[in-house]
Amino acid sequence: MSRAADPERGDGRAAAPSEWPEARELAERLVADAGPSVRAILLYGSRLLRTRPDRHSALDFVVLVDEYRAFYRGLSDADELHRPVGLMSTLARLLPPNVIAYAPGDGRGGIAKCLVVSTSDFERALGAHPRDHFLLGRMLQRVGELWFADDSERVWVRDRIAGAHARVLDWMAPYLEGPVNAAGLGRRLLEVCYQGEFRPESRGRAGAVFEAQAEHFARVLKPTLDAAVAAGTMVADAGEYRLVEPAPPRVVRRWRRHFRRSKLRSTARWFKHMVTFANWLPYVVRKVERHTGRSIELTALERKAPLLFLWPRAIHVLVTRPRRELRS
């Protein structure tokens, strides 16, 4: 087993081994509970980027496993699953990844919202033909390396993420209407990815997330743009890059279909999360309150049967969410 320091922090410096001690401790406890099926654990999201987290915010983990049933059986044996192993394994294969809450000791040891995905599903999600953008949009952003089973797993994960960065222009070309630099490509990328999901955050959330990792995008996407210049599909001028020709209509149609399908699959995941994520309702309510600045008091019917009675409130939140991200 090996721990791994984050290869970058957005400022170009290596992370200290003590970076994110709470996250590392929780990751190691998860590995101890789940057993040898875990291959890697990555950190992403608001706690990593420091974009409006608070003391109630869960840590966001991506947990890579070699086999779903073995992972859920390990958690169940450790009394940390609270769902049938067969059900969780089936849902994982139908629409990966599953989202679970890992909260050992009733949350006293910390809480992690875990995207649990097999290495094969992770590779497909970050490859040239992803089924949707759910994992891809998250793994293109800055991630922290918390735990690997061995050094070969670390290299494998880094190679998959680097490949995803290298292929960004395959699907972003239809959405580039003018010249961009590497950081600007990152901003536009986030806007496209956020439009591909129904999300409770403000409409300006993508901009706030970009500002927290602008240097990351400038660093990881510049080689992609330089490679496009070398291939003759882009030209560079004064630090900015533009497409030589607009994306062909068939490419435009392909990726517009992809994002429509991705939005449908993302919406379907909300129903799945209600099954896999213990205590999902208070988590979602707290998330909406944090990002909209509104206090939410659920009615008795909404708490008792949210699938039936929570829809009007959910639609209202989506329609009336603020345009700008709230400032801390």
C-alpha atoms as a PDB file:
ATOM      1  CA  MET A   1       0.000   0.000   0.000  1.00  0.00           C
ATOM      2  CA  SER A   2       1.186   3.537  -0.599  1.00  0.00           C
ATOM      3  CA  ARG A   3       0.166   7.024   0.240  1.00  0.00           C
ATOM      4  CA  ALA A   4       0.638   9.661  -2.436  1.00  0.00           C
ATOM      5  CA  ALA A   5       1.139  13.392  -2.329  1.00  0.00           C
ATOM      6  CA  ASP A   6      -0.910  15.506  -4.683  1.00  0.00           C
ATOM      7  CA  PRO A   7       1.113  16.035  -7.896  1.00  0.00           C
ATOM      8  CA  GLU A   8      -0.044  19.656  -8.056  1.00  0.00           C
ATOM      9  CA  ARG A   9      -1.887  22.147  -5.948  1.00  0.00           C
ATOM     10  CA  GLY A  10      -2.708  24.729  -8.587  1.00  0.00           C
ATOM     11  CA  ASP A  11       0.331  26.759  -7.578  1.00  0.00           C
ATOM     12  CA  GLY A  12       2.896  24.440  -9.107  1.00  0.00           C
ATOM     13  CA  ARG A  13       4.270  23.194  -5.777  1.00  0.00           C
ATOM     14  CA  ALA A  14       4.155  19.642  -4.514  1.00  0.00           C
ATOM     15  CA  ALA A  15       1.731  19.074  -1.680  1.00  0.00           C
ATOM     16  CA  ALA A  16       3.189  18.335   1.716  1.00  0.00           C
ATOM     17  CA  PRO A  17       2.567  14.824   3.078  1.00  0.00           C
ATOM     18  CA  SER A  18       0.385  16.451   5.759  1.00  0.00           C
ATOM     19  CA  GLU A  19      -1.926  18.022   3.142  1.00  0.00           C
ATOM     20  CA  TRP A  20      -5.597  17.268   3.914  1.00  0.00           C
ATOM     21  CA  PRO A  21      -4.918  15.175   7.061  1.00  0.00           C
ATOM     22  CA  GLU A  22      -8.644  14.665   7.726  1.00  0.00           C
ATOM     23  CA  ALA A  23      -9.213  13.390   4.197  1.00  0.00           C
ATOM     24  CA  ARG A  24      -6.201  11.076   4.296  1.00  0.00           C
ATOM     25  CA  GLU A  25      -7.227   9.605   7.626  1.00  0.00           C
ATOM     26  CA  LEU A  26     -10.778   8.991   6.409  1.00  0.00           C
ATOM     27  CA  ALA A  27      -9.500   7.451   3.167  1.00  0.00           C
ATOM     28  CA  GLU A  28      -7.266   5.030   5.058  1.00  0.00           C
ATOM     29  CA  ARG A  29     -10.145   4.087   7.329  1.00  0.00           C
ATOM     30  CA  LEU A  30     -12.325   3.407   4.283  1.00  0.00           C
ATOM     31  CA  VAL A  31      -9.627   1.141   2.844  1.00  0.00           C
ATOM     32  CA  ALA A  32      -9.381  -0.726   6.144  1.00  0.00           C
ATOM     33  CA  ASP A  33     -13.155  -1.279   6.169  1.00  0.00           C
ATOM     34  CA  ALA A  34     -13.631  -2.126   2.475  1.00  0.00           C
ATOM     35  CA  GLY A  35     -10.586  -4.356   2.064  1.00  0.00           C
ATOM     36  CA  PRO A  36      -8.327  -5.105  -0.914  1.00  0.00           C
ATOM     37  CA  SER A  37     -10.926  -4.277  -3.573  1.00  0.00           C
ATOM     38  CA  VAL A  38      -9.971  -0.575  -3.276  1.00  0.00           C
ATOM     39  CA  ARG A  39      -7.304   0.475  -5.790  1.00  0.00           C
ATOM     40  CA  ALA A  40      -7.187   4.275  -5.369  1.00  0.00           C
ATOM     41  CA  ILE A  41      -8.906   7.178  -3.633  1.00  0.00           C
ATOM     42  CA  LEU A  42      -8.928  10.717  -5.049  1.00  0.00           C
ATOM     43  CA  LEU A  43     -10.134  13.972  -3.516  1.00  0.00           C
ATOM     44  CA  TYR A  44     -12.059  16.565  -5.520  1.00  0.00           C
ATOM     45  CA  GLY A  45     -14.728  19.216  -5.026  1.00  0.00           C
ATOM     46  CA  SER A  46     -15.347  22.138  -2.702  1.00  0.00           C
ATOM     47  CA  ARG A  47     -13.166  21.005   0.216  1.00  0.00           C
ATOM     48  CA  LEU A  48     -10.185  20.649  -2.119  1.00  0.00           C
ATOM     49  CA  LEU A  49     -10.841  23.875  -4.032  1.00  0.00           C
ATOM     50  CA  ARG A  50     -12.122  25.797  -0.983  1.00  0.00           C
ATOM     51  CA  THR A  51     -15.175  27.020  -2.888  1.00  0.00           C
ATOM     52  CA  ARG A  52     -17.704  27.772  -0.142  1.00  0.00           C
ATOM     53  CA  PRO A  53     -17.262  24.674   2.028  1.00  0.00           C
ATOM     54  CA  ASP A  54     -18.244  24.836   5.689  1.00  0.00           C
ATOM     55  CA  ARG A  55     -17.772  22.571   8.673  1.00  0.00           C
ATOM     56  CA  HIS A  56     -20.809  20.537   7.586  1.00  0.00           C
ATOM     57  CA  SER A  57     -19.483  19.927   4.063  1.00  0.00           C
ATOM     58  CA  ALA A  58     -18.650  16.344   3.183  1.00  0.00           C
ATOM     59  CA  LEU A  59     -15.320  15.429   1.668  1.00  0.00           C
ATOM     60  CA  ASP A  60     -15.702  14.412  -1.992  1.00  0.00           C
ATOM     61  CA  PHE A  61     -13.956  11.126  -2.826  1.00  0.00           C
ATOM     62  CA  VAL A  62     -13.616   9.116  -6.018  1.00  0.00           C
ATOM     63  CA  VAL A  63     -13.068   5.520  -4.912  1.00  0.00           C
ATOM     64  CA  LEU A  64     -11.664   3.206  -7.592  1.00  0.00           C
ATOM     65  CA  VAL A  65     -12.329  -0.479  -7.012  1.00  0.00           C
ATOM     66  CA  ASP A  66     -11.489  -3.626  -8.957  1.00  0.00           C
ATOM     67  CA  GLU A  67     -14.841  -5.308  -8.282  1.00  0.00           C
ATOM     68  CA  TYR A  68     -18.089  -3.798  -7.015  1.00  0.00           C
ATOM     69  CA  ARG A  69     -19.450  -6.741  -5.044  1.00  0.00           C
ATOM     70  CA  ALA A  70     -16.208  -7.269  -3.120  1.00  0.00           C
ATOM     71  CA  PHE A  71     -16.111  -3.584  -2.173  1.00  0.00           C
ATOM     72  CA  TYR A  72     -19.696  -3.472  -0.918  1.00  0.00           C
ATOM     73  CA  ARG A  73     -19.301  -6.814   0.848  1.00  0.00           C
ATOM     74  CA  GLY A  74     -16.317  -5.401   2.735  1.00  0.00           C
ATOM     75  CA  LEU A  75     -18.254  -2.310   3.818  1.00  0.00           C
ATOM     76  CA  SER A  76     -21.227  -4.434   4.801  1.00  0.00           C
ATOM     77  CA  ASP A  77     -19.063  -6.737   6.910  1.00  0.00           C
ATOM     78  CA  ALA A  78     -17.665  -3.636   8.637  1.00  0.00           C
ATOM     79  CA  ASP A  79     -21.260  -2.450   9.284  1.00  0.00           C
ATOM     80  CA  GLU A  80     -20.681   0.683   7.175  1.00  0.00           C
ATOM     81  CA  LEU A  81     -22.990   0.071   4.208  1.00  0.00           C
ATOM     82  CA  HIS A  82     -26.609  -0.134   5.474  1.00  0.00           C
ATOM     83  CA  ARG A  83     -27.832  -1.263   2.037  1.00  0.00           C
ATOM     84  CA  PRO A  84     -28.096  -4.758   0.462  1.00  0.00           C
ATOM     85  CA  VAL A  85     -24.831  -5.761  -1.214  1.00  0.00           C
ATOM     86  CA  GLY A  86     -26.617  -7.263  -4.230  1.00  0.00           C
ATOM     87  CA  LEU A  87     -28.684  -4.122  -4.822  1.00  0.00           C
ATOM     88  CA  MET A  88     -25.645  -1.834  -4.627  1.00  0.00           C
ATOM     89  CA  SER A  89     -23.636  -4.026  -6.985  1.00  0.00           C
ATOM     90  CA  THR A  90     -26.449  -4.181  -9.531  1.00  0.00           C
ATOM     91  CA  LEU A  91     -27.029  -0.414  -9.504  1.00  0.00           C
ATOM     92  CA  ALA A  92     -23.304   0.180  -9.896  1.00  0.00           C
ATOM     93  CA  ARG A  93     -23.185  -1.890 -13.062  1.00  0.00           C
ATOM     94  CA  LEU A  94     -26.347  -0.331 -14.521  1.00  0.00           C
ATOM     95  CA  LEU A  95     -25.340   3.324 -14.173  1.00  0.00           C
ATOM     96  CA  PRO A  96     -21.883   3.873 -12.690  1.00  0.00           C
ATOM     97  CA  PRO A  97     -20.776   5.378 -10.453  1.00  0.00           C
ATOM     98  CA  ASN A  98     -22.780   4.802  -7.279  1.00  0.00           C
ATOM     99  CA  VAL A  99     -22.717   7.615  -4.730  1.00  0.00           C
ATOM    100  CA  ILE A 100     -22.548   6.577  -1.084  1.00  0.00           C
ATOM    101  CA  ALA A 101     -22.018   8.319   2.230  1.00  0.00           C
ATOM    102  CA  TYR A 102     -19.131   6.937   4.257  1.00  0.00           C
ATOM    103  CA  ALA A 103     -19.535   8.192   7.819  1.00  0.00           C
ATOM    104  CA  PRO A 104     -17.811   5.874  10.315  1.00  0.00           C
ATOM    105  CA  GLY A 105     -18.832   6.274  13.931  1.00  0.00           C
ATOM    106  CA  ASP A 106     -22.057   8.039  12.905  1.00  0.00           C
ATOM    107  CA  GLY A 107     -19.994  10.774  11.299  1.00  0.00           C
ATOM    108  CA  ARG A 108     -17.688  11.430  14.238  1.00  0.00           C
ATOM    109  CA  GLY A 109     -14.740  10.297  12.106  1.00  0.00           C
ATOM    110  CA  GLY A 110     -15.737  12.574   9.226  1.00  0.00           C
ATOM    111  CA  ILE A 111     -18.109  12.206   6.297  1.00  0.00           C
ATOM    112  CA  ALA A 112     -17.172  11.438   2.707  1.00  0.00           C
ATOM    113  CA  LYS A 113     -19.465  11.520  -0.292  1.00  0.00           C
ATOM    114  CA  CYS A 114     -17.930   8.737  -2.370  1.00  0.00           C
ATOM    115  CA  LEU A 115     -18.265   8.177  -6.111  1.00  0.00           C
ATOM    116  CA  VAL A 116     -17.553   4.448  -6.281  1.00  0.00           C
ATOM    117  CA  VAL A 117     -16.394   3.304  -9.711  1.00  0.00           C
ATOM    118  CA  SER A 118     -14.551   0.272 -11.040  1.00  0.00           C
ATOM    119  CA  THR A 119     -11.247   0.768 -12.826  1.00  0.00           C
ATOM    120  CA  SER A 120     -12.818  -0.446 -16.086  1.00  0.00           C
ATOM    121  CA  ASP A 121     -15.747   1.993 -15.810  1.00  0.00           C
ATOM    122  CA  PHE A 122     -13.327   4.791 -14.852  1.00  0.00           C
ATOM    123  CA  GLU A 123     -11.239   4.115 -17.959  1.00  0.00           C
ATOM    124  CA  ARG A 124     -14.314   4.172 -20.200  1.00  0.00           C
ATOM    125  CA  ALA A 125     -15.650   7.370 -18.591  1.00  0.00           C
ATOM    126  CA  LEU A 126     -12.368   9.199 -19.269  1.00  0.00           C
ATOM    127  CA  GLY A 127     -11.763   7.617 -22.669  1.00  0.00           C
ATOM    128  CA  ALA A 128     -12.558   8.675 -26.208  1.00  0.00           C
ATOM    129  CA  HIS A 129     -16.152   7.384 -26.126  1.00  0.00           C
ATOM    130  CA  PRO A 130     -17.656   8.213 -22.704  1.00  0.00           C
ATOM    131  CA  ARG A 131     -21.274   7.294 -22.097  1.00  0.00           C
ATOM    132  CA  ASP A 132     -21.803  10.618 -20.334  1.00  0.00           C
ATOM    133  CA  HIS A 133     -19.859  13.509 -18.808  1.00  0.00           C
ATOM    134  CA  PHE A 134     -20.496  12.838 -15.114  1.00  0.00           C
ATOM    135  CA  LEU A 135     -17.007  11.618 -14.195  1.00  0.00           C
ATOM    136  CA  LEU A 136     -15.151  13.260 -17.053  1.00  0.00           C
ATOM    137  CA  GLY A 137     -16.281  16.764 -16.110  1.00  0.00           C
ATOM    138  CA  ARG A 138     -15.067  16.235 -12.542  1.00  0.00           C
ATOM    139  CA  MET A 139     -11.755  14.540 -13.280  1.00  0.00           C
ATOM    140  CA  LEU A 140     -10.637  17.267 -15.710  1.00  0.00           C
ATOM    141  CA  GLN A 141     -10.533  19.573 -12.715  1.00  0.00           C
ATOM    142  CA  ARG A 142      -7.920  19.620  -9.998  1.00  0.00           C
ATOM    143  CA  VAL A 143      -7.829  16.417  -7.960  1.00  0.00           C
ATOM    144  CA  GLY A 144      -5.832  15.374  -4.929  1.00  0.00           C
ATOM    145  CA  GLU A 145      -4.242  11.961  -4.555  1.00  0.00           C
ATOM    146  CA  LEU A 146      -5.089  10.447  -1.169  1.00  0.00           C
ATOM    147  CA  TRP A 147      -4.295   6.729  -1.414  1.00  0.00           C
ATOM    148  CA  PHE A 148      -3.120   4.097  -3.899  1.00  0.00           C
ATOM    149  CA  ALA A 149      -2.787   0.352  -3.546  1.00  0.00           C
ATOM    150  CA  ASP A 150       0.671   0.597  -5.160  1.00  0.00           C
ATOM    151  CA  ASP A 151       2.770   2.825  -7.410  1.00  0.00           C
ATOM    152  CA  SER A 152       1.475   1.219 -10.601  1.00  0.00           C
ATOM    153  CA  GLU A 153      -2.063   2.306  -9.689  1.00  0.00           C
ATOM    154  CA  ARG A 154      -0.856   5.881  -9.243  1.00  0.00           C
ATOM    155  CA  VAL A 155       0.748   5.869 -12.697  1.00  0.00           C
ATOM    156  CA  TRP A 156      -2.342   4.300 -14.255  1.00  0.00           C
ATOM    157  CA  VAL A 157      -4.710   6.897 -12.771  1.00  0.00           C
ATOM    158  CA  ARG A 158      -2.473   9.787 -13.799  1.00  0.00           C
ATOM    159  CA  ASP A 159      -2.268   8.415 -17.352  1.00  0.00           C
ATOM    160  CA  ARG A 160      -6.067   8.142 -17.610  1.00  0.00           C
ATOM    161  CA  ILE A 161      -6.517  11.744 -16.427  1.00  0.00           C
ATOM    162  CA  ALA A 162      -3.740  13.012 -18.713  1.00  0.00           C
ATOM    163  CA  GLY A 163      -5.424  11.277 -21.642  1.00  0.00           C
ATOM    164  CA  ALA A 164      -8.705  13.000 -20.808  1.00  0.00           C
ATOM    165  CA  HIS A 165      -6.948  16.376 -20.827  1.00  0.00           C
ATOM    166  CA  ALA A 166      -5.344  15.565 -24.187  1.00  0.00           C
ATOM    167  CA  ARG A 167      -8.754  14.792 -25.748  1.00  0.00           C
ATOM    168  CA  VAL A 168     -10.557  17.923 -24.525  1.00  0.00           C
ATOM    169  CA  LEU A 169     -10.680  19.531 -27.968  1.00  0.00           C
ATOM    170  CA  ASP A 170     -12.402  16.446 -29.435  1.00  0.00           C
ATOM    171  CA  TRP A 171     -15.623  17.509 -27.704  1.00  0.00           C
ATOM    172  CA  MET A 172     -14.978  21.173 -26.947  1.00  0.00           C
ATOM    173  CA  ALA A 173     -14.375  22.257 -30.549  1.00  0.00           C
ATOM    174  CA  PRO A 174     -18.123  22.719 -31.256  1.00  0.00           C
ATOM    175  CA  TYR A 175     -18.310  25.112 -28.284  1.00  0.00           C
ATOM    176  CA  LEU A 176     -15.374  27.374 -29.184  1.00  0.00           C
ATOM    177  CA  GLU A 177     -16.616  30.455 -30.997  1.00  0.00           C
ATOM    178  CA  GLY A 178     -13.434  32.519 -30.799  1.00  0.00           C
ATOM    179  CA  PRO A 179      -9.807  32.447 -29.712  1.00  0.00           C
ATOM    180  CA  VAL A 180      -8.938  31.186 -26.223  1.00  0.00           C
ATOM    181  CA  ASN A 181      -5.883  30.697 -24.088  1.00  0.00           C
ATOM    182  CA  ALA A 182      -5.408  27.604 -21.924  1.00  0.00           C
ATOM    183  CA  ALA A 183      -7.129  29.095 -18.886  1.00  0.00           C
ATOM    184  CA  GLY A 184      -9.981  30.390 -21.052  1.00  0.00           C
ATOM    185  CA  LEU A 185     -10.464  26.905 -22.460  1.00  0.00           C
ATOM    186  CA  GLY A 186     -10.807  25.684 -18.877  1.00  0.00           C
ATOM    187  CA  ARG A 187     -13.465  28.301 -18.112  1.00  0.00           C
ATOM    188  CA  ARG A 188     -15.456  27.415 -21.222  1.00  0.00           C
ATOM    189  CA  LEU A 189     -15.046  23.709 -20.474  1.00  0.00           C
ATOM    190  CA  LEU A 190     -16.615  24.144 -17.039  1.00  0.00           C
ATOM    191  CA  GLU A 191     -19.501  26.155 -18.471  1.00  0.00           C
ATOM    192  CA  VAL A 192     -20.275  23.393 -20.964  1.00  0.00           C
ATOM    193  CA  CYS A 193     -19.999  20.653 -18.318  1.00  0.00           C
ATOM    194  CA  TYR A 194     -22.229  22.498 -15.833  1.00  0.00           C
ATOM    195  CA  GLN A 195     -24.868  23.032 -18.528  1.00  0.00           C
ATOM    196  CA  GLY A 196     -24.863  19.261 -19.022  1.00  0.00           C
ATOM    197  CA  GLU A 197     -26.431  18.639 -15.591  1.00  0.00           C
ATOM    198  CA  PHE A 198     -29.321  19.920 -13.501  1.00  0.00           C
ATOM    199  CA  ARG A 199     -27.565  21.413 -10.483  1.00  0.00           C
ATOM    200  CA  PRO A 200     -28.874  23.331  -7.433  1.00  0.00           C
ATOM    201  CA  GLU A 201     -25.980  25.815  -7.357  1.00  0.00           C
ATOM    202  CA  SER A 202     -26.134  29.340  -8.721  1.00  0.00           C
ATOM    203  CA  ARG A 203     -25.761  29.929 -12.440  1.00  0.00           C
ATOM    204  CA  GLY A 204     -22.392  31.509 -11.685  1.00  0.00           C
ATOM    205  CA  ARG A 205     -21.053  28.377  -9.972  1.00  0.00           C
ATOM    206  CA  ALA A 206     -18.918  27.379 -12.963  1.00  0.00           C
ATOM    207  CA  GLY A 207     -17.145  30.749 -12.844  1.00  0.00           C
ATOM    208  CA  ALA A 208     -16.419  30.453  -9.134  1.00  0.00           C
ATOM    209  CA  VAL A 209     -15.087  26.912  -9.572  1.00  0.00           C
ATOM    210  CA  PHE A 210     -12.904  28.109 -12.437  1.00  0.00           C
ATOM    211  CA  GLU A 211     -11.411  30.980 -10.439  1.00  0.00           C
ATOM    212  CA  ALA A 212     -10.367  28.513  -7.735  1.00  0.00           C
ATOM    213  CA  GLN A 213      -8.274  26.502 -10.217  1.00  0.00           C
ATOM    214  CA  ALA A 214      -7.438  28.818 -13.112  1.00  0.00           C
ATOM    215  CA  GLU A 215      -3.723  28.009 -12.826  1.00  0.00           C
ATOM    216  CA  HIS A 216      -4.501  24.298 -12.975  1.00  0.00           C
ATOM    217  CA  PHE A 217      -6.299  24.671 -16.302  1.00  0.00           C
ATOM    218  CA  ALA A 218      -3.594  26.973 -17.678  1.00  0.00           C
ATOM    219  CA  ARG A 219      -0.985  24.312 -16.913  1.00  0.00           C
ATOM    220  CA  VAL A 220      -2.749  21.103 -17.976  1.00  0.00           C
ATOM    221  CA  LEU A 221      -4.524  22.409 -21.095  1.00  0.00           C
ATOM    222  CA  LYS A 222      -1.657  24.313 -22.724  1.00  0.00           C
ATOM    223  CA  PRO A 223      -0.032  21.092 -24.018  1.00  0.00           C
ATOM    224  CA  THR A 224      -3.399  20.151 -25.567  1.00  0.00           C
ATOM    225  CA  LEU A 225      -3.581  23.452 -27.429  1.00  0.00           C
ATOM    226  CA  ASP A 226       0.068  23.239 -28.514  1.00  0.00           C
ATOM    227  CA  ALA A 227      -0.547  19.723 -29.826  1.00  0.00           C
ATOM    228  CA  ALA A 228      -3.505  21.029 -31.850  1.00  0.00           C
ATOM    229  CA  VAL A 229      -1.251  23.697 -33.390  1.00  0.00           C
ATOM    230  CA  ALA A 230       1.315  21.028 -34.289  1.00  0.00           C
ATOM    231  CA  ALA A 231      -1.458  18.925 -35.858  1.00  0.00           C
ATOM    232  CA  GLY A 232      -2.655  21.896 -37.915  1.00  0.00           C
ATOM    233  CA  THR A 233      -6.149  22.114 -36.394  1.00  0.00           C
ATOM    234  CA  MET A 234      -5.438  25.340 -34.473  1.00  0.00           C
ATOM    235  CA  VAL A 235      -3.247  28.391 -34.921  1.00  0.00           C
ATOM    236  CA  ALA A 236      -1.581  30.381 -32.156  1.00  0.00           C
ATOM    237  CA  ASP A 237      -1.284  34.148 -32.066  1.00  0.00           C
ATOM    238  CA  ALA A 238      -0.119  36.292 -29.135  1.00  0.00           C
ATOM    239  CA  GLY A 239      -0.785  33.585 -26.563  1.00  0.00           C
ATOM    240  CA  GLU A 240      -4.258  32.710 -27.855  1.00  0.00           C
ATOM    241  CA  TYR A 241      -5.421  29.811 -29.975  1.00  0.00           C
ATOM    242  CA  ARG A 242      -8.205  29.511 -32.512  1.00  0.00           C
ATOM    243  CA  LEU A 243      -9.556  26.713 -34.658  1.00  0.00           C
ATOM    244  CA  VAL A 244      -8.430  26.713 -38.288  1.00  0.00           C
ATOM    245  CA  GLU A 245     -11.929  25.596 -39.281  1.00  0.00           C
ATOM    246  CA  PRO A 246     -15.174  25.224 -37.321  1.00  0.00           C
ATOM    247  CA  ALA A 247     -16.029  21.743 -36.126  1.00  0.00           C
ATOM    248  CA  PRO A 248     -17.723  19.703 -38.919  1.00  0.00           C
ATOM    249  CA  PRO A 249     -21.525  19.427 -38.615  1.00  0.00           C
ATOM    250  CA  ARG A 250     -21.355  15.687 -37.876  1.00  0.00           C
ATOM    251  CA  VAL A 251     -19.010  16.379 -34.941  1.00  0.00           C
ATOM    252  CA  VAL A 252     -21.302  19.109 -33.669  1.00  0.00           C
ATOM    253  CA  ARG A 253     -24.302  16.780 -33.863  1.00  0.00           C
ATOM    254  CA  ARG A 254     -22.435  13.958 -32.135  1.00  0.00           C
ATOM    255  CA  TRP A 255     -21.454  16.004 -29.094  1.00  0.00           C
ATOM    256  CA  ARG A 256     -24.796  17.759 -28.794  1.00  0.00           C
ATOM    257  CA  ARG A 257     -26.415  14.307 -28.680  1.00  0.00           C
ATOM    258  CA  HIS A 258     -23.810  13.268 -26.135  1.00  0.00           C
ATOM    259  CA  PHE A 259     -24.649  16.140 -23.785  1.00  0.00           C
ATOM    260  CA  ARG A 260     -28.398  15.565 -24.144  1.00  0.00           C
ATOM    261  CA  ARG A 261     -27.848  11.922 -23.242  1.00  0.00           C
ATOM    262  CA  SER A 262     -25.503  12.939 -20.439  1.00  0.00           C
ATOM    263  CA  LYS A 263     -28.138  15.224 -18.955  1.00  0.00           C
ATOM    264  CA  LEU A 264     -30.706  12.425 -19.005  1.00  0.00           C
ATOM    265  CA  ARG A 265     -28.278  10.009 -17.351  1.00  0.00           C
ATOM    266  CA  SER A 266     -27.304  12.622 -14.775  1.00  0.00           C
ATOM    267  CA  THR A 267     -30.983  13.153 -13.925  1.00  0.00           C
ATOM    268  CA  ALA A 268     -31.523   9.400 -13.641  1.00  0.00           C
ATOM    269  CA  ARG A 269     -28.657   9.292 -11.148  1.00  0.00           C
ATOM    270  CA  TRP A 270     -30.620  11.522  -8.780  1.00  0.00           C
ATOM    271  CA  PHE A 271     -33.145   8.702  -8.344  1.00  0.00           C
ATOM    272  CA  LYS A 272     -30.347   6.177  -7.879  1.00  0.00           C
ATOM    273  CA  HIS A 273     -28.601   8.377  -5.300  1.00  0.00           C
ATOM    274  CA  MET A 274     -31.791   8.355  -3.231  1.00  0.00           C
ATOM    275  CA  VAL A 275     -31.320   4.602  -2.889  1.00  0.00           C
ATOM    276  CA  THR A 276     -27.536   4.407  -2.499  1.00  0.00           C
ATOM    277  CA  PHE A 277     -26.839   7.569  -0.454  1.00  0.00           C
ATOM    278  CA  ALA A 278     -27.960   7.230   3.173  1.00  0.00           C
ATOM    279  CA  ASN A 279     -29.639  10.373   4.569  1.00  0.00           C
ATOM    280  CA  TRP A 280     -29.542  12.041   1.147  1.00  0.00           C
ATOM    281  CA  LEU A 281     -32.368  14.482   1.922  1.00  0.00           C
ATOM    282  CA  PRO A 282     -30.650  16.492   4.711  1.00  0.00           C
ATOM    283  CA  TYR A 283     -27.446  16.487   2.655  1.00  0.00           C
ATOM    284  CA  VAL A 284     -29.183  17.995  -0.387  1.00  0.00           C
ATOM    285  CA  VAL A 285     -31.064  20.544   1.729  1.00  0.00           C
ATOM    286  CA  ARG A 286     -27.825  21.702   3.345  1.00  0.00           C
ATOM    287  CA  LYS A 287     -26.106  21.934  -0.054  1.00  0.00           C
ATOM    288  CA  VAL A 288     -28.907  24.083  -1.467  1.00  0.00           C
ATOM    289  CA  GLU A 289     -28.875  26.349   1.590  1.00  0.00           C
ATOM    290  CA  ARG A 290     -25.118  26.823   1.323  1.00  0.00           C
ATOM    291  CA  HIS A 291     -25.146  27.733  -2.360  1.00  0.00           C
ATOM    292  CA  THR A 292     -28.318  29.827  -2.492  1.00  0.00           C
ATOM    293  CA  GLY A 293     -28.207  31.553   0.898  1.00  0.00           C
ATOM    294  CA  ARG A 294     -31.791  30.477   1.577  1.00  0.00           C
ATOM    295  CA  SER A 295     -33.078  28.707   4.652  1.00  0.00           C
ATOM    296  CA  ILE A 296     -35.202  25.677   3.764  1.00  0.00           C
ATOM    297  CA  GLU A 297     -37.812  24.178   6.074  1.00  0.00           C
ATOM    298  CA  LEU A 298     -39.321  20.998   4.682  1.00  0.00           C
ATOM    299  CA  THR A 299     -42.941  20.131   5.374  1.00  0.00           C
ATOM    300  CA  ALA A 300     -43.899  16.867   7.046  1.00  0.00           C
ATOM    301  CA  LEU A 301     -45.098  15.471   3.719  1.00  0.00           C
ATOM    302  CA  GLU A 302     -41.860  16.475   1.970  1.00  0.00           C
ATOM    303  CA  ARG A 303     -39.823  14.691   4.626  1.00  0.00           C
ATOM    304  CA  LYS A 304     -42.015  11.599   4.662  1.00  0.00           C
ATOM    305  CA  ALA A 305     -42.405  11.138   0.887  1.00  0.00           C
ATOM    306  CA  PRO A 306     -39.882  13.369  -0.912  1.00  0.00           C
ATOM    307  CA  LEU A 307     -40.243  11.526  -4.216  1.00  0.00           C
ATOM    308  CA  LEU A 308     -43.895  12.544  -4.333  1.00  0.00           C
ATOM    309  CA  PHE A 309     -44.000  15.961  -2.687  1.00  0.00           C
ATOM    310  CA  LEU A 310     -40.552  17.545  -3.107  1.00  0.00           C
ATOM    311  CA  TRP A 311     -40.742  18.181  -6.853  1.00  0.00           C
ATOM    312  CA  PRO A 312     -42.440  21.628  -6.751  1.00  0.00           C
ATOM    313  CA  ARG A 313     -39.793  22.908  -4.355  1.00  0.00           C
ATOM    314  CA  ALA A 314     -36.960  21.373  -6.407  1.00  0.00           C
ATOM    315  CA  ILE A 315     -38.230  23.001  -9.606  1.00  0.00           C
ATOM    316  CA  HIS A 316     -38.601  26.326  -7.795  1.00  0.00           C
ATOM    317  CA  VAL A 317     -34.982  26.150  -6.592  1.00  0.00           C
ATOM    318  CA  LEU A 318     -33.703  25.415 -10.096  1.00  0.00           C
ATOM    319  CA  VAL A 319     -35.705  28.239 -11.662  1.00  0.00           C
ATOM    320  CA  THR A 320     -34.971  30.883  -9.027  1.00  0.00           C
ATOM    321  CA  ARG A 321     -31.369  30.041  -8.102  1.00  0.00           C
ATOM    322  CA  PRO A 322     -29.141  33.148  -8.018  1.00  0.00           C
ATOM    323  CA  ARG A 323     -27.119  34.071 -11.075  1.00  0.00           C
ATOM    324  CA  ARG A 324     -23.959  34.756  -9.096  1.00  0.00           C
ATOM    325  CA  GLU A 325     -22.137  32.545  -6.631  1.00  0.00           C
ATOM    326  CA  LEU A 326     -22.551  33.787  -3.076  1.00  0.00           C
ATOM    327  CA  ARG A 327     -19.482  35.180  -1.351  1.00  0.00           C
ATOM    328  CA  SER A 328     -18.348  33.776   1.967  1.00  0.00           C
END
